[in-house]
N, C-alpha and C. Protein backbone atom coordinates (compact mmCIF):
# COMPACT_ATOMS: atom_id res chain seq x y z
N MET A 1 0.26 -1.30 0.03
CA MET A 1 0.50 0.02 0.11
C MET A 1 0.65 1.36 0.25
N HIS A 2 1.43 1.40 0.91
CA HIS A 2 2.73 2.81 0.97
C HIS A 2 3.38 2.78 -0.32
N ARG A 3 3.72 1.63 -1.07
CA ARG A 3 4.25 1.31 -2.31
C ARG A 3 3.61 1.99 -2.97
N ARG A 4 2.51 1.89 -3.38
CA ARG A 4 1.62 2.32 -4.28
C ARG A 4 1.47 4.17 -4.06
N VAL A 5 1.13 3.99 -2.49
CA VAL A 5 1.03 6.16 -2.63
C VAL A 5 2.39 6.46 -3.15
N ALA A 6 3.02 6.14 -2.41
CA ALA A 6 4.47 6.82 -2.60
C ALA A 6 4.86 7.20 -4.16
N ILE A 7 4.43 5.80 -5.16
CA ILE A 7 4.85 6.10 -6.32
C ILE A 7 3.55 6.90 -7.05
N ARG A 8 2.28 6.78 -6.41
CA ARG A 8 1.25 7.92 -7.00
C ARG A 8 1.59 9.05 -6.93
N ILE A 9 1.97 9.70 -5.55
CA ILE A 9 2.70 11.10 -5.50
C ILE A 9 3.08 11.19 -6.64
N ALA A 10 4.80 10.72 -6.94
CA ALA A 10 5.73 11.09 -7.81
C ALA A 10 5.20 11.06 -8.92
N ALA A 11 4.58 10.22 -9.58
CA ALA A 11 4.06 10.24 -10.56
C ALA A 11 3.00 11.53 -11.20
N ALA A 12 2.22 11.49 -9.99
CA ALA A 12 1.26 13.20 -9.99
C ALA A 12 2.15 14.53 -10.34
N ALA A 13 3.52 14.21 -9.25
CA ALA A 13 4.35 15.37 -9.26
C ALA A 13 5.42 15.39 -10.89
N VAL A 14 5.44 14.38 -11.13
CA VAL A 14 6.32 14.26 -12.42
C VAL A 14 5.71 14.93 -13.52
N ALA A 15 4.29 14.84 -13.78
CA ALA A 15 3.15 15.12 -14.76
C ALA A 15 3.29 16.56 -14.70
N ALA A 16 2.99 16.85 -13.44
CA ALA A 16 2.39 18.54 -13.09
C ALA A 16 3.85 19.29 -13.85
N ALA A 17 5.07 18.56 -12.87
CA ALA A 17 6.30 19.70 -13.35
C ALA A 17 6.55 19.15 -14.86
N LEU A 18 6.30 18.63 -15.63
CA LEU A 18 6.10 18.47 -17.12
C LEU A 18 5.48 19.81 -17.56
N THR A 19 4.36 19.55 -17.05
CA THR A 19 3.11 20.90 -17.83
C THR A 19 3.58 21.97 -17.87
N LEU A 20 4.40 22.66 -16.86
CA LEU A 20 4.80 23.71 -16.59
C LEU A 20 5.89 24.56 -17.52
N PRO A 21 5.88 25.83 -17.96
CA PRO A 21 6.82 26.37 -18.76
C PRO A 21 8.24 25.99 -18.31
N ALA A 22 8.65 26.19 -19.30
CA ALA A 22 10.25 25.86 -19.35
C ALA A 22 10.94 26.80 -18.59
N ALA A 23 10.49 27.68 -18.49
CA ALA A 23 11.46 28.82 -17.22
C ALA A 23 11.07 28.46 -15.92
N ALA A 24 9.85 28.28 -15.47
CA ALA A 24 9.49 27.47 -14.11
C ALA A 24 9.83 26.36 -13.96
N GLN A 25 10.27 25.27 -14.95
CA GLN A 25 11.48 24.66 -14.60
C GLN A 25 12.62 24.95 -14.08
N THR A 26 13.05 26.14 -14.64
CA THR A 26 14.75 26.18 -14.18
C THR A 26 14.99 27.55 -13.35
N ASP A 27 13.71 27.85 -12.91
CA ASP A 27 14.03 28.91 -11.88
C ASP A 27 14.63 28.51 -10.51
N ASN A 28 15.38 29.15 -10.03
CA ASN A 28 16.64 28.16 -8.36
C ASN A 28 15.68 28.33 -8.19
N PRO A 29 15.90 26.84 -7.16
CA PRO A 29 14.93 26.46 -6.00
C PRO A 29 14.60 27.38 -4.71
N SER A 30 14.36 27.18 -3.41
CA SER A 30 13.60 27.98 -2.42
C SER A 30 14.29 28.06 -1.97
N GLY A 31 15.11 27.31 -1.91
CA GLY A 31 15.96 27.40 -0.77
C GLY A 31 15.84 26.61 0.56
N LYS A 32 14.81 25.69 0.75
CA LYS A 32 14.27 25.02 1.55
C LYS A 32 15.41 23.83 1.83
N ARG A 33 15.11 23.42 3.05
CA ARG A 33 16.06 22.41 3.15
C ARG A 33 15.50 21.08 2.95
N TRP A 34 17.16 20.79 2.24
CA TRP A 34 16.84 19.25 1.37
C TRP A 34 17.65 18.21 1.74
N VAL A 35 16.99 16.64 2.35
CA VAL A 35 17.53 15.90 3.32
C VAL A 35 18.49 15.30 1.90
N GLU A 36 19.49 15.44 2.70
CA GLU A 36 20.72 14.34 2.33
C GLU A 36 21.70 13.52 3.46
N PRO A 37 22.41 12.79 2.83
CA PRO A 37 23.18 11.96 3.73
C PRO A 37 23.94 12.96 4.73
N PRO A 38 24.14 12.33 6.03
CA PRO A 38 25.27 12.80 6.74
C PRO A 38 26.69 13.29 5.95
N LYS A 39 28.12 14.15 6.28
CA LYS A 39 29.16 13.98 5.84
C LYS A 39 30.30 13.29 6.34
N ASP A 40 29.91 12.66 7.33
CA ASP A 40 30.37 11.44 8.00
C ASP A 40 29.90 10.27 8.00
N ILE A 41 29.48 9.41 7.03
CA ILE A 41 28.52 8.21 6.99
C ILE A 41 29.33 7.16 7.87
N PRO A 42 28.74 6.73 8.83
CA PRO A 42 29.82 5.39 10.15
C PRO A 42 29.69 4.28 8.90
N LYS A 43 31.00 3.14 9.02
CA LYS A 43 30.69 1.86 8.52
C LYS A 43 30.02 1.34 9.03
N ALA A 44 29.17 0.55 7.95
CA ALA A 44 27.87 -0.43 8.40
C ALA A 44 27.91 -1.43 9.61
N GLN A 45 27.88 -0.98 10.44
CA GLN A 45 27.66 -2.08 12.00
C GLN A 45 27.96 -3.69 11.32
N ARG A 46 28.63 -5.10 12.12
CA ARG A 46 28.32 -6.07 11.64
C ARG A 46 26.99 -6.17 12.45
N GLY A 47 26.56 -7.11 11.29
CA GLY A 47 24.72 -7.51 11.97
C GLY A 47 23.94 -6.79 11.11
N ASP A 48 24.61 -5.34 10.63
CA ASP A 48 23.46 -4.75 9.93
C ASP A 48 22.83 -5.25 8.38
N ARG A 49 23.60 -6.18 7.99
CA ARG A 49 23.08 -6.44 6.37
C ARG A 49 22.62 -7.64 7.05
N THR A 50 22.49 -8.29 7.68
CA THR A 50 21.72 -9.65 8.05
C THR A 50 20.41 -8.88 8.76
N ARG A 51 20.60 -8.00 9.84
CA ARG A 51 19.25 -7.73 10.11
C ARG A 51 18.63 -6.98 9.26
N ASN A 52 19.01 -6.25 8.32
CA ASN A 52 18.44 -5.43 6.83
C ASN A 52 18.03 -4.00 7.17
N ILE A 53 17.42 -3.54 6.27
CA ILE A 53 16.77 -2.27 6.57
C ILE A 53 15.60 -2.11 7.13
N ASP A 54 15.39 -3.52 7.10
CA ASP A 54 13.85 -3.42 7.69
C ASP A 54 13.95 -3.10 9.18
N PHE A 55 15.17 -3.70 9.52
CA PHE A 55 15.02 -3.93 11.25
C PHE A 55 15.47 -2.19 11.57
N LEU A 56 16.23 -1.34 10.72
CA LEU A 56 16.89 -0.33 11.21
C LEU A 56 15.85 0.52 11.10
N LEU A 57 14.91 0.54 9.92
CA LEU A 57 13.88 1.40 9.82
C LEU A 57 12.53 1.25 10.87
N GLY A 58 12.35 0.04 11.49
CA GLY A 58 12.11 -0.30 12.77
C GLY A 58 12.15 0.72 13.64
N ALA A 59 13.72 0.54 13.46
CA ALA A 59 14.57 1.20 15.55
C ALA A 59 14.59 3.28 15.09
N LEU A 60 14.63 2.95 13.62
CA LEU A 60 13.97 4.78 13.45
C LEU A 60 12.99 5.40 13.69
N LYS A 61 11.84 4.33 13.59
CA LYS A 61 10.67 4.66 13.82
C LYS A 61 10.59 4.85 15.57
N ALA A 62 11.13 4.07 16.25
CA ALA A 62 10.78 3.56 17.89
C ALA A 62 11.88 4.69 18.61
N ALA A 63 12.78 5.35 18.27
CA ALA A 63 14.17 6.30 18.45
C ALA A 63 13.47 6.96 19.61
N PRO A 64 14.07 6.91 20.63
CA PRO A 64 13.19 7.47 21.86
C PRO A 64 13.50 8.99 22.01
N ASP A 65 14.53 9.31 21.49
CA ASP A 65 15.43 10.86 21.71
C ASP A 65 16.18 11.17 20.07
N GLU A 66 16.85 11.77 19.84
CA GLU A 66 16.96 12.76 18.35
C GLU A 66 18.45 12.21 18.19
N ASP A 67 19.31 12.25 19.90
CA ASP A 67 20.55 11.56 19.49
C ASP A 67 20.49 10.10 18.94
N SER A 68 19.46 9.02 19.18
CA SER A 68 19.38 7.43 19.37
C SER A 68 18.82 7.60 18.15
N ALA A 69 17.53 8.53 17.01
CA ALA A 69 17.42 8.63 15.72
C ALA A 69 18.48 9.27 14.70
N LYS A 70 19.43 10.13 15.03
CA LYS A 70 20.67 9.88 14.28
C LYS A 70 21.88 9.09 13.81
N ALA A 71 21.60 7.83 15.31
CA ALA A 71 22.52 7.03 15.27
C ALA A 71 22.05 6.21 14.34
N VAL A 72 21.04 5.31 14.39
CA VAL A 72 20.20 4.81 13.53
C VAL A 72 19.93 5.46 12.30
N GLU A 73 19.70 6.60 11.62
CA GLU A 73 19.83 7.61 10.53
C GLU A 73 21.16 7.20 9.64
N GLY A 74 22.15 7.49 10.46
CA GLY A 74 23.72 7.36 10.09
C GLY A 74 23.61 5.87 9.30
N ARG A 75 23.24 4.90 10.37
CA ARG A 75 23.42 3.52 9.36
C ARG A 75 22.50 3.07 8.45
N ILE A 76 21.10 3.97 8.47
CA ILE A 76 20.61 3.71 7.16
C ILE A 76 21.70 4.28 6.20
N TRP A 77 21.32 5.21 6.20
CA TRP A 77 22.68 5.93 5.13
C TRP A 77 23.57 4.87 4.60
N ALA A 78 24.14 4.29 5.61
CA ALA A 78 25.40 3.64 5.44
C ALA A 78 25.09 2.97 4.27
N LEU A 79 23.82 1.93 4.32
CA LEU A 79 23.61 0.39 3.85
C LEU A 79 23.11 1.29 2.61
N TRP A 80 22.43 2.16 2.48
CA TRP A 80 21.75 2.91 1.18
C TRP A 80 22.68 3.47 0.22
N LEU A 81 24.10 3.79 0.75
CA LEU A 81 25.09 4.64 -0.55
C LEU A 81 26.02 3.38 -0.64
N ALA A 82 25.80 1.96 0.40
CA ALA A 82 26.73 1.21 -0.57
C ALA A 82 26.16 0.27 -1.65
N SER A 83 26.58 0.51 -2.53
CA SER A 83 26.38 0.50 -4.46
C SER A 83 26.94 -1.42 -4.70
N GLY A 84 28.17 -1.96 -4.19
CA GLY A 84 28.12 -2.67 -4.41
C GLY A 84 29.13 -3.01 -5.07
N SER A 85 29.53 -2.15 -6.21
CA SER A 85 30.64 -1.75 -7.03
C SER A 85 31.75 -0.71 -6.57
N ASP A 86 32.93 -1.36 -7.13
CA ASP A 86 33.87 -0.44 -6.76
C ASP A 86 33.75 1.09 -7.71
N THR A 87 33.32 0.27 -8.84
CA THR A 87 32.84 1.48 -9.88
C THR A 87 32.53 2.17 -9.50
N ALA A 88 31.25 2.17 -9.20
CA ALA A 88 30.43 2.95 -8.62
C ALA A 88 30.65 4.32 -7.63
N ASP A 89 31.32 3.01 -6.29
CA ASP A 89 31.83 3.94 -5.42
C ASP A 89 32.72 4.90 -5.23
N LEU A 90 34.02 4.67 -6.90
CA LEU A 90 34.84 5.60 -7.15
C LEU A 90 34.22 7.03 -7.77
N LEU A 91 32.81 6.39 -8.63
CA LEU A 91 32.48 7.59 -8.79
C LEU A 91 31.56 8.47 -8.61
N MET A 92 30.55 7.79 -7.24
CA MET A 92 30.23 8.21 -6.31
C MET A 92 31.22 9.60 -5.65
N ALA A 93 32.18 9.03 -5.27
CA ALA A 93 33.13 10.21 -4.58
C ALA A 93 33.67 10.73 -5.42
N ARG A 94 34.07 10.81 -6.91
CA ARG A 94 33.88 12.02 -7.45
C ARG A 94 32.69 13.03 -7.56
N VAL A 95 31.69 12.35 -7.27
CA VAL A 95 30.60 12.87 -7.58
C VAL A 95 30.29 14.35 -6.43
N ARG A 96 30.68 13.13 -5.05
CA ARG A 96 30.85 14.25 -4.16
C ARG A 96 31.59 15.51 -4.40
N VAL A 97 33.18 15.52 -4.82
CA VAL A 97 33.63 16.28 -4.85
C VAL A 97 32.98 17.66 -5.81
N ALA A 98 32.68 16.91 -7.25
CA ALA A 98 31.72 17.84 -8.14
C ALA A 98 31.13 18.88 -7.59
N MET A 99 30.46 18.07 -6.80
CA MET A 99 29.33 18.98 -5.71
C MET A 99 29.81 19.74 -4.68
N GLU A 100 30.78 19.75 -4.46
CA GLU A 100 31.38 19.93 -2.93
C GLU A 100 32.02 21.76 -4.11
N GLU A 101 32.04 21.21 -5.05
CA GLU A 101 32.97 22.41 -6.25
C GLU A 101 31.79 23.14 -6.95
N LYS A 102 30.60 22.99 -6.39
CA LYS A 102 29.15 23.47 -7.38
C LYS A 102 29.80 23.41 -9.10
N ASP A 103 30.06 21.75 -9.49
CA ASP A 103 29.99 21.84 -10.57
C ASP A 103 28.86 20.27 -11.05
N TYR A 104 28.00 21.04 -11.46
CA TYR A 104 26.70 20.42 -11.61
C TYR A 104 26.84 19.53 -12.69
N ASP A 105 26.83 20.40 -13.50
CA ASP A 105 27.03 19.37 -14.90
C ASP A 105 28.14 18.83 -14.68
N LEU A 106 29.15 19.13 -14.48
CA LEU A 106 30.11 16.98 -14.26
C LEU A 106 29.40 15.99 -13.01
N ALA A 107 28.48 16.36 -12.25
CA ALA A 107 28.43 15.86 -11.14
C ALA A 107 27.44 14.97 -11.76
N ILE A 108 26.55 15.38 -13.00
CA ILE A 108 25.25 15.04 -13.45
C ILE A 108 26.00 13.67 -14.33
N ARG A 109 26.86 13.99 -15.30
CA ARG A 109 27.43 13.21 -16.04
C ARG A 109 27.86 11.83 -15.29
N LEU A 110 28.97 12.03 -13.92
CA LEU A 110 29.11 11.13 -13.34
C LEU A 110 28.18 10.48 -13.01
N LEU A 111 26.76 11.09 -12.21
CA LEU A 111 25.52 9.98 -11.62
C LEU A 111 24.79 9.10 -12.73
N ASN A 112 24.84 9.89 -14.03
CA ASN A 112 24.56 9.02 -15.45
C ASN A 112 25.11 8.08 -15.12
N ALA A 113 26.98 7.84 -15.69
CA ALA A 113 27.15 6.48 -15.53
C ALA A 113 26.90 5.64 -14.34
N ILE A 114 26.62 6.40 -13.31
CA ILE A 114 25.98 5.27 -12.18
C ILE A 114 24.59 4.55 -12.18
N VAL A 115 24.01 5.69 -12.56
CA VAL A 115 22.53 4.44 -12.67
C VAL A 115 22.93 3.72 -13.99
N GLU A 116 23.40 4.18 -14.96
CA GLU A 116 23.82 2.85 -16.49
C GLU A 116 24.53 2.12 -15.94
N ILE A 117 24.88 1.80 -15.08
CA ILE A 117 25.79 0.95 -14.55
C ILE A 117 25.23 -0.14 -13.25
N ARG A 118 24.79 0.98 -12.43
CA ARG A 118 24.02 0.03 -11.59
C ARG A 118 22.22 0.69 -11.40
N PRO A 119 21.52 0.13 -12.27
CA PRO A 119 20.47 0.87 -12.00
C PRO A 119 19.85 0.68 -10.89
N ASP A 120 20.00 -0.27 -10.59
CA ASP A 120 19.17 -0.53 -9.19
C ASP A 120 19.73 -0.07 -7.80
N TYR A 121 20.93 0.73 -7.86
CA TYR A 121 21.75 1.53 -6.52
C TYR A 121 20.45 2.42 -6.56
N VAL A 122 19.68 2.33 -5.47
CA VAL A 122 19.15 3.82 -4.85
C VAL A 122 19.47 5.64 -5.02
N GLU A 123 20.96 5.08 -4.17
CA GLU A 123 21.15 6.48 -4.04
C GLU A 123 21.80 6.58 -5.17
N GLY A 124 22.21 6.74 -6.31
CA GLY A 124 22.06 7.25 -7.84
C GLY A 124 21.59 8.06 -8.19
N TRP A 125 20.20 7.57 -8.07
CA TRP A 125 18.70 8.02 -8.66
C TRP A 125 18.89 9.43 -7.35
N ASP A 126 19.15 8.75 -6.21
CA ASP A 126 18.12 9.74 -5.24
C ASP A 126 19.39 11.26 -5.01
N ARG A 127 20.72 11.17 -5.65
CA ARG A 127 21.91 11.63 -5.97
C ARG A 127 21.80 12.68 -6.73
N ARG A 128 21.31 11.93 -7.69
CA ARG A 128 21.28 12.92 -8.85
C ARG A 128 19.76 13.40 -9.13
N ALA A 129 19.01 13.20 -8.05
CA ALA A 129 17.63 14.26 -8.00
C ALA A 129 17.95 15.57 -6.92
N THR A 130 18.72 15.10 -5.90
CA THR A 130 19.36 16.27 -5.74
C THR A 130 20.15 17.31 -6.42
N VAL A 131 21.01 16.72 -7.64
CA VAL A 131 21.52 17.70 -8.04
C VAL A 131 21.04 18.66 -8.93
N TYR A 132 19.73 17.60 -9.70
CA TYR A 132 18.92 18.34 -10.59
C TYR A 132 17.82 19.53 -9.72
N PHE A 133 17.75 19.31 -8.80
CA PHE A 133 17.16 20.08 -7.82
C PHE A 133 17.86 21.72 -7.33
N LEU A 134 19.43 21.31 -7.06
CA LEU A 134 20.25 22.08 -6.84
C LEU A 134 20.42 23.11 -8.56
N LYS A 135 20.17 22.50 -9.28
CA LYS A 135 20.43 23.37 -10.77
C LYS A 135 18.75 23.92 -10.99
N GLY A 136 17.91 23.79 -10.09
CA GLY A 136 16.41 24.31 -10.27
C GLY A 136 15.46 23.48 -11.52
N ASP A 137 16.48 22.55 -12.05
CA ASP A 137 15.36 21.67 -12.41
C ASP A 137 14.66 20.32 -11.87
N LEU A 138 13.55 21.21 -12.04
CA LEU A 138 12.43 20.12 -10.87
C LEU A 138 11.76 19.31 -11.63
N GLY A 139 11.48 19.37 -13.16
CA GLY A 139 10.88 17.85 -13.91
C GLY A 139 11.78 16.99 -13.62
N ARG A 140 13.06 17.18 -13.94
CA ARG A 140 13.86 16.38 -13.88
C ARG A 140 14.36 15.41 -12.15
N ALA A 141 14.37 16.63 -11.43
CA ALA A 141 14.51 16.03 -10.37
C ALA A 141 13.36 15.10 -9.34
N LEU A 142 12.38 15.48 -10.07
CA LEU A 142 11.29 14.68 -9.42
C LEU A 142 11.07 12.68 -9.87
N ALA A 143 11.32 13.44 -11.51
CA ALA A 143 11.38 11.94 -12.04
C ALA A 143 12.36 10.89 -11.61
N ASP A 144 13.63 11.31 -11.10
CA ASP A 144 14.47 10.47 -10.03
C ASP A 144 14.14 10.41 -9.12
N LEU A 145 13.34 11.01 -8.25
CA LEU A 145 12.98 11.24 -7.02
C LEU A 145 11.71 9.83 -7.35
N GLU A 146 11.36 9.58 -8.32
CA GLU A 146 9.87 8.68 -8.79
C GLU A 146 10.81 7.22 -8.88
N GLU A 147 12.01 7.35 -9.69
CA GLU A 147 12.95 5.83 -9.79
C GLU A 147 13.12 5.86 -7.97
N VAL A 148 13.80 6.28 -7.40
CA VAL A 148 14.07 6.55 -5.71
C VAL A 148 12.80 5.17 -5.20
N LEU A 149 11.86 6.37 -5.15
CA LEU A 149 10.74 5.11 -4.58
C LEU A 149 10.18 4.41 -5.34
N LYS A 150 10.10 4.06 -6.19
CA LYS A 150 9.97 2.53 -6.62
C LYS A 150 10.70 1.93 -6.28
N ARG A 151 12.05 1.56 -6.26
CA ARG A 151 12.87 0.84 -5.37
C ARG A 151 12.73 0.76 -3.55
N GLU A 152 12.45 1.94 -3.04
CA GLU A 152 12.75 1.71 -1.85
C GLU A 152 11.18 3.21 -1.45
N PRO A 153 10.57 2.61 -1.01
CA PRO A 153 9.27 3.91 -1.15
C PRO A 153 9.16 4.01 0.37
N ARG A 154 9.97 3.41 1.13
CA ARG A 154 10.34 4.09 2.59
C ARG A 154 11.58 4.86 2.69
N HIS A 155 12.03 5.71 1.62
CA HIS A 155 13.28 6.43 1.55
C HIS A 155 12.86 7.78 2.00
N PHE A 156 12.80 8.15 3.57
CA PHE A 156 12.48 9.10 3.58
C PHE A 156 13.04 10.54 3.48
N GLY A 157 14.36 10.19 2.60
CA GLY A 157 15.02 11.38 2.17
C GLY A 157 14.20 12.14 0.88
N ALA A 158 14.13 11.16 -0.07
CA ALA A 158 13.10 11.11 -1.08
C ALA A 158 12.08 11.43 -1.04
N LEU A 159 11.38 11.49 -0.44
CA LEU A 159 9.62 11.84 0.01
C LEU A 159 9.51 12.94 0.77
N ALA A 160 11.10 13.35 1.73
CA ALA A 160 10.72 14.65 1.95
C ALA A 160 10.96 15.62 0.63
N GLY A 161 12.03 15.27 -0.02
CA GLY A 161 12.79 16.28 -1.57
C GLY A 161 11.29 16.43 -1.83
N LEU A 162 10.22 14.91 -2.15
CA LEU A 162 9.12 15.41 -3.06
C LEU A 162 8.48 16.03 -2.80
N GLY A 163 8.15 16.13 -0.61
CA GLY A 163 7.36 16.95 -0.61
C GLY A 163 7.75 18.50 -0.58
N THR A 164 9.05 18.83 -0.54
CA THR A 164 9.76 20.06 -1.03
C THR A 164 9.34 20.92 -1.91
N ILE A 165 9.37 19.81 -3.25
CA ILE A 165 9.53 20.30 -4.36
C ILE A 165 7.64 20.71 -4.84
N LEU A 166 6.92 19.91 -4.42
CA LEU A 166 5.74 19.97 -4.58
C LEU A 166 4.98 21.21 -3.79
N SER A 167 5.84 21.50 -2.66
CA SER A 167 5.42 22.76 -2.27
C SER A 167 6.10 24.05 -2.50
N ASP A 168 7.08 23.82 -3.65
CA ASP A 168 7.82 24.74 -3.89
C ASP A 168 6.78 25.09 -5.68
N LEU A 169 5.85 23.68 -6.07
CA LEU A 169 5.21 24.09 -7.13
C LEU A 169 4.02 24.09 -6.91
N GLY A 170 3.42 24.35 -5.61
CA GLY A 170 2.53 25.14 -4.53
C GLY A 170 1.08 23.90 -4.77
N ASP A 171 1.86 22.93 -4.94
CA ASP A 171 0.65 21.24 -4.63
C ASP A 171 0.87 21.10 -3.37
N ASP A 172 0.14 21.69 -2.39
CA ASP A 172 0.43 21.35 -1.44
C ASP A 172 -0.27 20.40 -0.73
N LYS A 173 -1.58 20.29 -1.44
CA LYS A 173 -2.43 18.74 -0.93
C LYS A 173 -0.91 17.45 -1.16
N HIS A 174 -0.61 17.18 -2.31
CA HIS A 174 0.29 16.30 -2.16
C HIS A 174 1.55 16.51 -1.78
N ALA A 175 2.13 17.74 -1.25
CA ALA A 175 3.41 18.06 -0.61
C ALA A 175 2.95 17.56 0.90
N LEU A 176 1.98 17.81 1.37
CA LEU A 176 1.27 17.22 2.71
C LEU A 176 1.27 16.13 3.02
N GLU A 177 0.92 15.32 1.92
CA GLU A 177 0.75 13.78 1.68
C GLU A 177 2.51 12.87 2.02
N ALA A 178 2.99 13.49 0.96
CA ALA A 178 4.45 13.50 1.10
C ALA A 178 5.57 13.48 2.77
N PHE A 179 5.33 14.55 2.82
CA PHE A 179 5.64 14.90 3.97
C PHE A 179 4.86 13.97 5.28
N ARG A 180 3.75 13.66 5.29
CA ARG A 180 3.16 12.88 6.28
C ARG A 180 3.75 11.64 5.60
N ARG A 181 4.23 11.09 4.72
CA ARG A 181 4.91 9.67 4.57
C ARG A 181 6.09 9.38 5.65
N ALA A 182 7.36 10.90 5.19
CA ALA A 182 8.49 11.09 5.53
C ALA A 182 8.45 10.78 6.95
N LEU A 183 7.43 12.04 7.67
CA LEU A 183 7.30 11.56 8.95
C LEU A 183 6.93 10.29 9.68
N ALA A 184 6.13 9.97 8.77
CA ALA A 184 5.72 8.37 9.26
C ALA A 184 6.99 6.72 8.95
N ILE A 185 7.90 7.42 9.06
CA ILE A 185 9.00 6.35 8.67
C ILE A 185 9.67 7.11 9.69
N TYR A 186 10.25 8.53 9.60
CA TYR A 186 11.74 8.64 10.44
C TYR A 186 10.83 9.81 11.01
N PRO A 187 9.97 10.04 12.32
CA PRO A 187 9.16 10.83 13.38
C PRO A 187 10.08 12.06 13.45
N ARG A 188 11.07 11.77 13.66
CA ARG A 188 12.30 12.59 14.27
C ARG A 188 13.41 13.55 12.96
N LEU A 189 12.70 13.37 11.86
CA LEU A 189 13.42 14.12 10.66
C LEU A 189 13.24 15.56 10.75
N ASP A 190 14.62 15.99 10.33
CA ASP A 190 14.21 17.38 11.05
C ASP A 190 13.58 18.27 10.38
N GLY A 191 13.01 18.97 10.67
CA GLY A 191 11.88 20.18 9.84
C GLY A 191 10.42 19.71 9.45
N VAL A 192 10.62 18.38 9.26
CA VAL A 192 9.89 17.76 8.91
C VAL A 192 8.09 17.88 9.14
N ALA A 193 8.02 18.13 10.53
CA ALA A 193 6.79 18.23 11.56
C ALA A 193 6.44 19.53 11.16
N ASP A 194 7.17 21.02 11.34
CA ASP A 194 6.60 21.81 10.94
C ASP A 194 6.10 22.21 9.87
N GLN A 195 6.78 21.26 8.97
CA GLN A 195 6.16 21.27 7.54
C GLN A 195 4.84 21.26 7.36
N VAL A 196 4.97 19.70 8.08
CA VAL A 196 3.15 19.00 8.06
C VAL A 196 2.53 19.63 8.65
N LYS A 197 2.59 20.75 10.35
CA LYS A 197 1.86 21.51 10.65
C LYS A 197 1.27 22.91 9.75
N THR A 198 2.43 23.02 9.14
CA THR A 198 2.01 24.47 8.29
C THR A 198 0.68 24.14 6.95
N LEU A 199 1.30 22.86 6.34
CA LEU A 199 0.46 22.56 5.30
C LEU A 199 -1.00 21.79 5.70
N SER A 200 -0.60 21.53 6.93
CA SER A 200 -2.53 21.05 7.26
C SER A 200 -2.68 22.37 7.20
N GLU A 201 -2.80 23.61 8.23
CA GLU A 201 -3.10 24.63 8.31
C GLU A 201 -3.76 25.02 7.20
N LYS A 202 -2.91 25.39 5.78
CA LYS A 202 -3.23 25.45 4.60
C LYS A 202 -4.63 24.69 3.92
N VAL A 203 -3.99 23.34 3.92
CA VAL A 203 -4.67 22.56 3.59
C VAL A 203 -6.23 22.61 3.57
N GLU A 204 -6.55 22.37 4.77
CA GLU A 204 -7.64 22.33 5.98
C GLU A 204 -8.48 23.62 5.66
N GLY A 205 -7.60 24.86 4.69
CA GLY A 205 -8.38 25.70 5.29
C GLY A 205 -8.74 26.52 4.16
N ARG A 206 -8.77 25.80 3.04
CA ARG A 206 -9.55 26.02 1.60
C ARG A 206 -9.79 24.72 1.01
N ASP A 207 -10.58 24.79 0.27
CA ASP A 207 -11.27 23.54 -0.76
C ASP A 207 -10.25 23.35 -1.93
N ILE A 208 -9.58 21.92 -1.84
CA ILE A 208 -8.44 21.51 -2.93
C ILE A 208 -9.01 20.43 -3.93
């Protein structure tokens, strides 16, 4: 059920973005926070791969405080970022450098290669969505987020990113739905509870 909901939101968002005038798709993004992996990703702990992502996402949802949640979040990102390919890992390291230098065109070329050689690698799509967002290309960012959510509908970063873009596009109803999905997975995700509160008031206050 959650998989279908996440994909339906993303598909509706992509369709909406592609109907925008070209200028609207290339405007600078609003500067709202985008959920990204921590700069210092911990190594996957012994047992994480056998316990798998389901176990860690359960622990994330049940985390009793912010510090505990952040620790579990880091372990989840460590698993998501493990491509299983030395080539993809090397390219991703170059992507990080390119992004730090704001060479987004180079980052996209590198990410194109990553998604070609590892199409099931979620973070290849997720990182490319981030770069497209930073370039203001919301249509392509949304299309890549849809690919992420096809592969991992519980990806709280992609859901929060989806909510951010939809909010920028003025689609408050679907933005709220995306943020609520992210919050259901990661209740302590920075800033998302505030987004849900603000959008809930806007959506419930008018007929959509």
